Amino acid sequence: MATVATRLATSDDLESVAALFDAYRQFYDQTPDLARARQFIGERFERGESILVVAESGTRELVGFCQLYPTFCSVRAAPTFVLYDLFVTPAARGTGAGKALMIAAESHARVSGAARIELSTARSNRVARALYESLGWQRDEDFFVYGKTL
């Protein structure tokens, strides 16, 4: 795979992005469910609830995506994004696709006037952590992050 290009996804990409999203969910030990993936991604497109950036190979095959959810920072009184999903197919790993997606996500956030992008990753995900840190992302040392599964 010689080159990787990024762009914002459109609803025309639904089938390809849904397949990538299904593979992403399987990476996190979820049961394969392409119909559910298609429904979830389709709803995000229809409702304008997320920004999907895709990575394309030189043959225009989608080989990765990242998904940004818009939100707000009350303290800074400004929009922000949560980079919630990042996935690159196993065959495209090591090609720079993940880095390209991260750079494109940051560029989109800047152009949108966002004050910040946030993400979280598993402590065990050393490859992802190395990528984020190589791009200037800083691990939060000030706040504890809490969650509650409903």
C-alpha atoms as a PDB file:
ATOM      1  CA  MET A   1       0.000   0.000   0.000  1.00  0.00           C
ATOM      2  CA  ALA A   2       1.866   3.023  -1.269  1.00  0.00           C
ATOM      3  CA  THR A   3      -0.248   5.999  -0.271  1.00  0.00           C
ATOM      4  CA  VAL A   4      -2.999   6.740   2.182  1.00  0.00           C
ATOM      5  CA  ALA A   5      -5.301   9.724   1.794  1.00  0.00           C
ATOM      6  CA  THR A   6      -7.894  10.995   4.241  1.00  0.00           C
ATOM      7  CA  ARG A   7     -11.211  12.718   3.733  1.00  0.00           C
ATOM      8  CA  LEU A   8     -14.509  13.268   5.473  1.00  0.00           C
ATOM      9  CA  ALA A   9     -16.888  10.372   4.963  1.00  0.00           C
ATOM     10  CA  THR A  10     -20.252  10.870   3.299  1.00  0.00           C
ATOM     11  CA  SER A  11     -23.415   8.815   3.436  1.00  0.00           C
ATOM     12  CA  ASP A  12     -22.227   7.176   0.185  1.00  0.00           C
ATOM     13  CA  ASP A  13     -19.539   5.507   2.320  1.00  0.00           C
ATOM     14  CA  LEU A  14     -22.074   3.909   4.667  1.00  0.00           C
ATOM     15  CA  GLU A  15     -21.481   0.280   3.652  1.00  0.00           C
ATOM     16  CA  SER A  16     -17.689   0.513   3.782  1.00  0.00           C
ATOM     17  CA  VAL A  17     -17.629   2.476   7.041  1.00  0.00           C
ATOM     18  CA  ALA A  18     -20.148   0.081   8.605  1.00  0.00           C
ATOM     19  CA  ALA A  19     -17.869  -2.860   7.746  1.00  0.00           C
ATOM     20  CA  LEU A  20     -14.898  -1.053   9.309  1.00  0.00           C
ATOM     21  CA  PHE A  21     -16.987  -0.154  12.354  1.00  0.00           C
ATOM     22  CA  ASP A  22     -18.051  -3.781  12.749  1.00  0.00           C
ATOM     23  CA  ALA A  23     -14.385  -4.862  12.628  1.00  0.00           C
ATOM     24  CA  TYR A  24     -13.534  -2.146  15.171  1.00  0.00           C
ATOM     25  CA  ARG A  25     -16.196  -3.450  17.546  1.00  0.00           C
ATOM     26  CA  GLN A  26     -14.871  -6.984  17.114  1.00  0.00           C
ATOM     27  CA  PHE A  27     -11.413  -5.695  18.052  1.00  0.00           C
ATOM     28  CA  TYR A  28     -13.047  -4.764  21.372  1.00  0.00           C
ATOM     29  CA  ASP A  29     -14.472  -8.278  21.796  1.00  0.00           C
ATOM     30  CA  GLN A  30     -17.972  -7.555  20.526  1.00  0.00           C
ATOM     31  CA  THR A  31     -19.901 -10.148  18.537  1.00  0.00           C
ATOM     32  CA  PRO A  32     -19.877  -9.483  14.771  1.00  0.00           C
ATOM     33  CA  ASP A  33     -23.056  -7.623  13.839  1.00  0.00           C
ATOM     34  CA  LEU A  34     -22.875  -5.814  10.516  1.00  0.00           C
ATOM     35  CA  ALA A  35     -26.564  -4.861  10.635  1.00  0.00           C
ATOM     36  CA  ARG A  36     -26.099  -3.155  13.993  1.00  0.00           C
ATOM     37  CA  ALA A  37     -22.952  -1.414  12.758  1.00  0.00           C
ATOM     38  CA  ARG A  38     -24.780  -0.203   9.635  1.00  0.00           C
ATOM     39  CA  GLN A  39     -27.696   1.079  11.721  1.00  0.00           C
ATOM     40  CA  PHE A  40     -25.441   2.875  14.208  1.00  0.00           C
ATOM     41  CA  ILE A  41     -23.281   4.563  11.570  1.00  0.00           C
ATOM     42  CA  GLY A  42     -26.326   5.333   9.417  1.00  0.00           C
ATOM     43  CA  GLU A  43     -27.971   7.107  12.344  1.00  0.00           C
ATOM     44  CA  ARG A  44     -24.863   9.204  12.953  1.00  0.00           C
ATOM     45  CA  PHE A  45     -24.941  10.296   9.276  1.00  0.00           C
ATOM     46  CA  GLU A  46     -28.698  10.994   9.290  1.00  0.00           C
ATOM     47  CA  ARG A  47     -28.631  12.965  12.526  1.00  0.00           C
ATOM     48  CA  GLY A  48     -25.317  14.738  11.952  1.00  0.00           C
ATOM     49  CA  GLU A  49     -24.140  13.489  15.346  1.00  0.00           C
ATOM     50  CA  SER A  50     -20.556  12.675  14.476  1.00  0.00           C
ATOM     51  CA  ILE A  51     -17.767  13.460  12.079  1.00  0.00           C
ATOM     52  CA  LEU A  52     -16.306  10.438  10.328  1.00  0.00           C
ATOM     53  CA  VAL A  53     -12.876  10.718   8.745  1.00  0.00           C
ATOM     54  CA  VAL A  54     -11.798   7.858   6.493  1.00  0.00           C
ATOM     55  CA  ALA A  55      -8.441   6.693   5.184  1.00  0.00           C
ATOM     56  CA  GLU A  56      -8.267   5.454   1.604  1.00  0.00           C
ATOM     57  CA  SER A  57      -5.623   3.338  -0.048  1.00  0.00           C
ATOM     58  CA  GLY A  58      -4.208   4.214  -3.450  1.00  0.00           C
ATOM     59  CA  THR A  59      -6.950   2.028  -4.948  1.00  0.00           C
ATOM     60  CA  ARG A  60      -9.617   4.062  -3.072  1.00  0.00           C
ATOM     61  CA  GLU A  61     -10.434   1.214  -0.708  1.00  0.00           C
ATOM     62  CA  LEU A  62     -11.325   2.416   2.786  1.00  0.00           C
ATOM     63  CA  VAL A  63      -8.699   1.068   5.188  1.00  0.00           C
ATOM     64  CA  GLY A  64      -9.510   2.988   8.344  1.00  0.00           C
ATOM     65  CA  PHE A  65     -11.660   5.557  10.056  1.00  0.00           C
ATOM     66  CA  CYS A  66     -11.910   7.766  13.082  1.00  0.00           C
ATOM     67  CA  GLN A  67     -15.079   9.156  14.584  1.00  0.00           C
ATOM     68  CA  LEU A  68     -15.340  12.482  16.351  1.00  0.00           C
ATOM     69  CA  TYR A  69     -18.274  13.463  18.518  1.00  0.00           C
ATOM     70  CA  PRO A  70     -18.899  17.174  18.974  1.00  0.00           C
ATOM     71  CA  THR A  71     -19.416  18.459  22.492  1.00  0.00           C
ATOM     72  CA  PHE A  72     -18.584  21.547  24.534  1.00  0.00           C
ATOM     73  CA  CYS A  73     -16.159  22.695  27.199  1.00  0.00           C
ATOM     74  CA  SER A  74     -18.064  24.791  29.736  1.00  0.00           C
ATOM     75  CA  VAL A  75     -14.887  26.155  31.335  1.00  0.00           C
ATOM     76  CA  ARG A  76     -13.498  27.455  28.049  1.00  0.00           C
ATOM     77  CA  ALA A  77     -17.003  28.226  26.730  1.00  0.00           C
ATOM     78  CA  ALA A  78     -16.048  26.633  23.431  1.00  0.00           C
ATOM     79  CA  PRO A  79     -16.788  23.605  21.274  1.00  0.00           C
ATOM     80  CA  THR A  80     -14.639  20.496  21.618  1.00  0.00           C
ATOM     81  CA  PHE A  81     -14.515  17.035  20.076  1.00  0.00           C
ATOM     82  CA  VAL A  82     -14.179  13.591  21.581  1.00  0.00           C
ATOM     83  CA  LEU A  83     -12.200  11.274  19.326  1.00  0.00           C
ATOM     84  CA  TYR A  84     -13.971   8.099  20.331  1.00  0.00           C
ATOM     85  CA  ASP A  85     -13.135   5.595  17.611  1.00  0.00           C
ATOM     86  CA  LEU A  86      -9.948   4.986  15.627  1.00  0.00           C
ATOM     87  CA  PHE A  87      -9.460   1.855  13.562  1.00  0.00           C
ATOM     88  CA  VAL A  88      -7.136   0.743  10.777  1.00  0.00           C
ATOM     89  CA  THR A  89      -7.481  -2.623   9.080  1.00  0.00           C
ATOM     90  CA  PRO A  90      -4.738  -5.107   9.962  1.00  0.00           C
ATOM     91  CA  ALA A  91      -3.437  -5.048   6.370  1.00  0.00           C
ATOM     92  CA  ALA A  92      -3.041  -1.257   6.473  1.00  0.00           C
ATOM     93  CA  ARG A  93      -1.344  -1.017   9.852  1.00  0.00           C
ATOM     94  CA  GLY A  94       2.153   0.400   9.619  1.00  0.00           C
ATOM     95  CA  THR A  95       1.309   2.434   6.494  1.00  0.00           C
ATOM     96  CA  GLY A  96       0.750   5.711   8.304  1.00  0.00           C
ATOM     97  CA  ALA A  97      -3.045   5.452   8.044  1.00  0.00           C
ATOM     98  CA  GLY A  98      -3.565   5.901  11.791  1.00  0.00           C
ATOM     99  CA  LYS A  99      -1.290   8.931  11.885  1.00  0.00           C
ATOM    100  CA  ALA A 100      -3.015  10.410   8.834  1.00  0.00           C
ATOM    101  CA  LEU A 101      -6.417   9.946  10.463  1.00  0.00           C
ATOM    102  CA  MET A 102      -5.252  11.633  13.663  1.00  0.00           C
ATOM    103  CA  ILE A 103      -3.816  14.588  11.745  1.00  0.00           C
ATOM    104  CA  ALA A 104      -7.002  14.921   9.685  1.00  0.00           C
ATOM    105  CA  ALA A 105      -9.144  14.809  12.834  1.00  0.00           C
ATOM    106  CA  GLU A 106      -7.072  17.553  14.442  1.00  0.00           C
ATOM    107  CA  SER A 107      -7.231  19.643  11.293  1.00  0.00           C
ATOM    108  CA  HIS A 108     -11.016  19.291  11.142  1.00  0.00           C
ATOM    109  CA  ALA A 109     -11.327  20.303  14.791  1.00  0.00           C
ATOM    110  CA  ARG A 110      -9.146  23.378  14.279  1.00  0.00           C
ATOM    111  CA  VAL A 111     -11.084  24.494  11.205  1.00  0.00           C
ATOM    112  CA  SER A 112     -14.326  23.979  13.164  1.00  0.00           C
ATOM    113  CA  GLY A 113     -13.112  26.324  15.879  1.00  0.00           C
ATOM    114  CA  ALA A 114     -12.802  23.659  18.559  1.00  0.00           C
ATOM    115  CA  ALA A 115     -10.769  24.473  21.635  1.00  0.00           C
ATOM    116  CA  ARG A 116      -9.721  20.897  22.275  1.00  0.00           C
ATOM    117  CA  ILE A 117      -9.883  17.236  21.253  1.00  0.00           C
ATOM    118  CA  GLU A 118      -9.969  14.506  23.858  1.00  0.00           C
ATOM    119  CA  LEU A 119      -9.625  10.757  23.693  1.00  0.00           C
ATOM    120  CA  SER A 120      -9.086   7.831  25.982  1.00  0.00           C
ATOM    121  CA  THR A 121      -7.412   4.521  25.370  1.00  0.00           C
ATOM    122  CA  ALA A 122      -6.648   1.382  27.293  1.00  0.00           C
ATOM    123  CA  ARG A 123      -3.480   1.483  29.377  1.00  0.00           C
ATOM    124  CA  SER A 124      -2.448  -1.724  27.612  1.00  0.00           C
ATOM    125  CA  ASN A 125      -2.733  -0.192  24.118  1.00  0.00           C
ATOM    126  CA  ARG A 126       0.924   0.761  23.807  1.00  0.00           C
ATOM    127  CA  VAL A 127       0.846   1.157  20.017  1.00  0.00           C
ATOM    128  CA  ALA A 128      -1.968   3.693  20.164  1.00  0.00           C
ATOM    129  CA  ARG A 129      -0.405   5.534  23.093  1.00  0.00           C
ATOM    130  CA  ALA A 130       2.887   5.813  21.210  1.00  0.00           C
ATOM    131  CA  LEU A 131       1.068   7.232  18.175  1.00  0.00           C
ATOM    132  CA  TYR A 132      -0.809   9.821  20.237  1.00  0.00           C
ATOM    133  CA  GLU A 133       2.293  10.915  22.109  1.00  0.00           C
ATOM    134  CA  SER A 134       4.309  11.157  18.872  1.00  0.00           C
ATOM    135  CA  LEU A 135       1.706  13.663  17.639  1.00  0.00           C
ATOM    136  CA  GLY A 136       1.950  15.839  20.740  1.00  0.00           C
ATOM    137  CA  TRP A 137      -1.014  14.505  22.697  1.00  0.00           C
ATOM    138  CA  GLN A 138      -0.478  14.657  26.437  1.00  0.00           C
ATOM    139  CA  ARG A 139      -1.757  12.215  28.999  1.00  0.00           C
ATOM    140  CA  ASP A 140      -3.898  13.861  31.652  1.00  0.00           C
ATOM    141  CA  GLU A 141      -2.212  13.811  35.035  1.00  0.00           C
ATOM    142  CA  ASP A 142      -4.661  16.178  36.761  1.00  0.00           C
ATOM    143  CA  PHE A 143      -8.048  14.477  36.506  1.00  0.00           C
ATOM    144  CA  PHE A 144      -9.428  11.070  37.251  1.00  0.00           C
ATOM    145  CA  VAL A 145     -11.845   9.792  34.626  1.00  0.00           C
ATOM    146  CA  TYR A 146     -14.944   8.005  35.871  1.00  0.00           C
ATOM    147  CA  GLY A 147     -17.595   6.050  34.046  1.00  0.00           C
ATOM    148  CA  LYS A 148     -20.698   4.104  34.891  1.00  0.00           C
ATOM    149  CA  THR A 149     -22.148   1.436  32.662  1.00  0.00           C
ATOM    150  CA  LEU A 150     -25.924   1.667  32.455  1.00  0.00           C
END
